[in-house]
Amino acid sequence: MQGIIPDQEEYMKQFFSYILNKIEYGKPISHGMDTYEMKQYFEKRYNERFEMNKNLLEKYNLYGKTLLDICSGFGQDSVFFAKHGNMIVDSIEKDWKATAIHQDFIEKYDVIDKNKIFCCDMFKFVPIEEYDVVYTSSPSNWMHGNPDKVIPDKWLNFLKLVLKPDGFFIARLYGGNYTSLVIRSDTFIKLLKERLESIDFSLLDYQPEKFASTIFVARRNKK
């Protein structure tokens, strides 16, 4: 697979412009890292991220399917799946600045007919149809609560609303508000598995810290 997109130089330029505009001058950026260290860190994570997405496409034969990307950020995953997986992708992101960068990537990589952005809260999103795949890279950010204690019913109801029977729920557990909890503990995974099984999902794959992330894949059972 050649030309993984968005290209790293363009993406990192947009990413750091966005990050630096959000932080207070002179304050630590992330985990005590300076700007240079942070850039190196995220460049490594960037490459690992797209290797993971390539593997997901191939392992679960997602080519040509429909996908809902929740909290899609700059849209790098959405655009990847649309471009390399020939998938029809709808992306939900409430930060309009992030969606502006995403839209630039959609136009640059010519997936206008395959990737549509919805700038709204996920619970205000009204799907036209059910999707083959629901994907997210920071699920703890959109649970609106501490995932160590509760996974809200409305979160589960949303999954049932938007995902087809026999469809895939894929979570890349990285970043977000509860990073250490999600990556370094089984607490979140056990609770997520238990709650999904209660609404007739089955766990297919769980790979702790694969590609510097914890990968969680479940499938909604057929009716």
Protein backbone atom coordinates (compact mmCIF):
# COMPACT_ATOMS: atom_id res chain seq x y z
CA MET A 1 0.00 0.00 0.00
CA GLN A 2 1.74 3.11 -1.20
CA GLY A 3 1.13 6.76 -0.45
CA ILE A 4 -0.56 6.37 2.92
CA ILE A 5 -2.62 9.50 3.40
CA PRO A 6 -2.79 12.20 4.57
CA ASP A 7 0.93 12.55 3.83
CA GLN A 8 2.95 12.88 7.01
CA GLU A 9 4.52 16.27 6.31
CA GLU A 10 1.18 17.93 5.57
CA TYR A 11 -0.61 16.26 8.45
CA MET A 12 2.05 17.09 11.02
CA LYS A 13 2.12 20.72 9.87
CA GLN A 14 -1.64 21.01 10.37
CA PHE A 15 -1.56 19.06 13.61
CA PHE A 16 1.05 21.19 15.35
CA SER A 17 -0.49 24.42 14.14
CA TYR A 18 -3.73 23.27 15.74
CA ILE A 19 -2.11 22.12 19.00
CA LEU A 20 0.08 25.18 19.46
CA ASN A 21 -2.89 27.48 18.96
CA LYS A 22 -4.72 25.74 21.79
CA ILE A 23 -2.07 25.82 24.50
CA GLU A 24 -0.99 28.73 26.67
CA TYR A 25 2.41 30.10 25.73
CA GLY A 26 5.21 28.84 27.97
CA LYS A 27 3.19 25.99 29.49
CA PRO A 28 4.18 22.30 29.15
CA ILE A 29 2.55 20.81 26.07
CA SER A 30 1.98 17.18 27.00
CA HIS A 31 3.39 14.95 29.75
CA GLY A 32 6.29 17.38 30.25
CA MET A 33 7.48 17.09 26.62
CA ASP A 34 8.79 20.09 24.78
CA THR A 35 7.68 20.89 21.22
CA TYR A 36 10.45 18.87 19.54
CA GLU A 37 9.89 15.79 21.72
CA MET A 38 6.17 15.98 21.13
CA LYS A 39 6.68 16.19 17.38
CA GLN A 40 8.87 13.07 17.40
CA TYR A 41 6.37 11.24 19.57
CA PHE A 42 3.39 11.99 17.35
CA GLU A 43 5.27 11.22 14.14
CA LYS A 44 5.93 7.73 15.49
CA ARG A 45 2.31 7.33 16.59
CA TYR A 46 1.18 8.55 13.15
CA ASN A 47 3.03 5.77 11.33
CA GLU A 48 1.79 3.13 13.77
CA ARG A 49 -1.78 4.38 13.39
CA PHE A 50 -1.93 3.81 9.66
CA GLU A 51 -0.25 0.43 9.87
CA MET A 52 -3.01 -0.55 12.29
CA ASN A 53 -5.73 0.69 9.94
CA LYS A 54 -4.21 -1.24 7.04
CA ASN A 55 -4.28 -4.42 9.14
CA LEU A 56 -7.91 -3.83 10.15
CA LEU A 57 -8.95 -3.44 6.52
CA GLU A 58 -7.33 -6.71 5.56
CA LYS A 59 -8.13 -8.81 8.63
CA TYR A 60 -11.86 -8.04 8.65
CA ASN A 61 -12.27 -7.49 4.90
CA LEU A 62 -13.77 -4.04 5.36
CA TYR A 63 -13.31 -3.00 1.73
CA GLY A 64 -16.36 -1.31 0.24
CA LYS A 65 -18.33 -1.24 3.50
CA THR A 66 -19.97 1.74 5.23
CA LEU A 67 -18.28 3.23 8.30
CA LEU A 68 -19.19 5.76 10.99
CA ASP A 69 -16.14 7.43 12.56
CA ILE A 70 -17.02 8.91 15.96
CA CYS A 71 -14.93 11.81 17.26
CA SER A 72 -13.05 11.81 13.97
CA GLY A 73 -10.74 14.73 14.79
CA PHE A 74 -8.69 15.81 11.76
CA GLY A 75 -10.19 12.94 9.79
CA GLN A 76 -6.99 11.06 9.07
CA ASP A 77 -8.63 7.69 9.78
CA SER A 78 -11.81 8.58 7.89
CA VAL A 79 -9.87 9.66 4.80
CA PHE A 80 -7.66 6.56 5.00
CA PHE A 81 -10.64 4.18 5.03
CA ALA A 82 -12.38 6.09 2.23
CA LYS A 83 -9.29 6.21 0.03
CA HIS A 84 -7.65 2.83 0.64
CA GLY A 85 -10.69 0.81 1.66
CA ASN A 86 -13.12 2.28 -0.87
CA MET A 87 -15.47 2.72 2.08
CA ILE A 88 -18.35 5.17 2.39
CA VAL A 89 -17.52 7.09 5.56
CA ASP A 90 -19.55 9.47 7.71
CA SER A 91 -17.52 11.34 10.33
CA ILE A 92 -18.81 12.94 13.52
CA GLU A 93 -16.70 15.67 15.15
CA LYS A 94 -17.98 18.61 17.20
CA ASP A 95 -14.78 20.72 16.98
CA TRP A 96 -15.29 22.88 13.88
CA LYS A 97 -11.59 23.77 13.69
CA ALA A 98 -10.70 20.09 13.43
CA THR A 99 -13.39 19.52 10.79
CA ALA A 100 -11.95 22.37 8.70
CA ILE A 101 -8.62 20.51 8.51
CA HIS A 102 -10.50 17.29 7.78
CA GLN A 103 -12.35 18.93 4.90
CA ASP A 104 -9.05 20.05 3.40
CA PHE A 105 -7.83 16.45 3.44
CA ILE A 106 -11.07 15.23 1.86
CA GLU A 107 -10.60 17.60 -1.04
CA LYS A 108 -6.86 17.02 -1.37
CA TYR A 109 -7.21 13.24 -1.58
CA ASP A 110 -10.34 13.32 -3.73
CA VAL A 111 -12.77 11.46 -1.48
CA ILE A 112 -15.52 14.07 -1.57
CA ASP A 113 -18.01 11.45 -2.74
CA LYS A 114 -16.91 8.96 -0.04
CA ASN A 115 -16.44 10.95 3.16
CA LYS A 116 -18.97 13.33 4.70
CA ILE A 117 -18.45 15.31 7.93
CA PHE A 118 -21.13 16.03 10.53
CA CYS A 119 -20.01 18.79 12.92
CA CYS A 120 -22.13 17.96 15.96
CA ASP A 121 -22.30 16.06 19.21
CA MET A 122 -22.67 12.33 18.55
CA PHE A 123 -25.98 12.18 20.40
CA LYS A 124 -27.45 14.83 18.11
CA PHE A 125 -26.48 12.86 15.02
CA VAL A 126 -29.43 11.32 13.17
CA PRO A 127 -28.31 8.41 10.95
CA ILE A 128 -30.04 7.81 7.64
CA GLU A 129 -29.09 4.16 7.71
CA GLU A 130 -27.22 1.60 9.79
CA TYR A 131 -23.49 1.16 9.22
CA ASP A 132 -21.32 -1.92 8.64
CA VAL A 133 -18.62 -0.52 10.93
CA VAL A 134 -18.51 1.93 13.84
CA TYR A 135 -14.98 3.14 14.53
CA THR A 136 -13.48 5.38 17.20
CA SER A 137 -9.95 6.18 18.34
CA SER A 138 -10.69 7.74 21.75
CA PRO A 139 -13.89 6.24 23.14
CA SER A 140 -13.36 7.51 26.67
CA ASN A 141 -13.73 11.06 25.35
CA TRP A 142 -17.31 10.60 24.20
CA MET A 143 -18.73 8.64 27.10
CA HIS A 144 -19.33 11.82 29.11
CA GLY A 145 -18.41 10.13 32.36
CA ASN A 146 -15.69 8.15 34.10
CA PRO A 147 -15.42 4.85 32.18
CA ASP A 148 -13.86 3.22 35.25
CA LYS A 149 -17.29 3.42 36.89
CA VAL A 150 -19.89 3.46 34.16
CA ILE A 151 -20.45 3.10 30.45
CA PRO A 152 -23.68 5.05 29.92
CA ASP A 153 -26.80 3.39 28.57
CA LYS A 154 -27.15 6.14 25.97
CA TRP A 155 -23.73 5.19 24.60
CA LEU A 156 -24.89 1.59 24.17
CA ASN A 157 -28.22 2.71 22.73
CA PHE A 158 -26.37 4.83 20.19
CA LEU A 159 -24.33 1.80 19.05
CA LYS A 160 -27.51 -0.24 18.64
CA LEU A 161 -29.06 2.60 16.64
CA VAL A 162 -26.21 3.07 14.16
CA LEU A 163 -24.64 -0.40 13.73
CA LYS A 164 -26.06 -3.16 11.57
CA PRO A 165 -26.57 -6.67 12.96
CA ASP A 166 -23.33 -8.55 12.22
CA GLY A 167 -21.52 -5.18 12.04
CA PHE A 168 -18.14 -4.39 13.61
CA PHE A 169 -17.41 -2.03 16.49
CA ILE A 170 -13.72 -1.08 16.40
CA ALA A 171 -12.08 1.00 19.12
CA ARG A 172 -8.49 2.14 19.06
CA LEU A 173 -7.97 2.85 22.73
CA TYR A 174 -5.39 5.58 22.68
CA GLY A 175 -5.32 9.11 23.98
CA GLY A 176 -8.33 10.88 25.35
CA ASN A 177 -9.21 11.81 28.90
CA TYR A 178 -8.35 8.49 30.56
CA THR A 179 -5.22 7.33 28.75
CA SER A 180 -3.52 5.55 31.65
CA LEU A 181 -6.72 3.79 32.64
CA VAL A 182 -7.48 2.60 29.13
CA ILE A 183 -4.02 1.44 28.09
CA ARG A 184 -2.46 0.24 31.35
CA SER A 185 -5.42 -1.46 32.97
CA ASP A 186 -7.94 -4.14 32.06
CA THR A 187 -10.65 -2.36 34.04
CA PHE A 188 -12.04 -0.42 31.10
CA ILE A 189 -11.85 -3.40 28.72
CA LYS A 190 -13.60 -5.76 31.11
CA LEU A 191 -16.41 -3.27 31.66
CA LEU A 192 -16.70 -2.51 27.95
CA LYS A 193 -16.83 -6.22 27.09
CA GLU A 194 -19.44 -6.88 29.78
CA ARG A 195 -21.65 -4.00 28.70
CA LEU A 196 -21.46 -4.88 25.01
CA GLU A 197 -22.29 -8.51 25.71
CA SER A 198 -25.38 -7.29 27.57
CA ILE A 199 -26.69 -5.88 24.27
CA ASP A 200 -25.75 -8.97 22.23
CA PHE A 201 -22.25 -8.14 21.00
CA SER A 202 -19.36 -10.62 20.91
CA LEU A 203 -15.70 -9.78 21.46
CA LEU A 204 -13.57 -10.73 18.44
CA ASP A 205 -10.18 -9.27 19.26
CA TYR A 206 -8.35 -7.55 22.08
CA GLN A 207 -4.69 -6.63 21.61
CA PRO A 208 -3.20 -4.62 24.49
CA GLU A 209 -0.81 -1.93 23.29
CA LYS A 210 -0.62 -3.19 19.72
CA PHE A 211 0.77 -0.34 17.59
CA ALA A 212 1.09 1.71 20.83
CA SER A 213 -2.66 1.35 21.30
CA THR A 214 -5.06 -1.14 22.73
CA ILE A 215 -7.18 -2.50 19.88
CA PHE A 216 -10.69 -3.69 20.71
CA VAL A 217 -12.98 -5.28 18.11
CA ALA A 218 -16.50 -6.56 18.77
CA ARG A 219 -19.27 -7.72 16.49
CA ARG A 220 -22.99 -7.22 16.89
CA ASN A 221 -24.68 -10.60 16.73
CA LYS A 222 -27.21 -11.31 14.01
CA LYS A 223 -30.84 -10.94 14.98
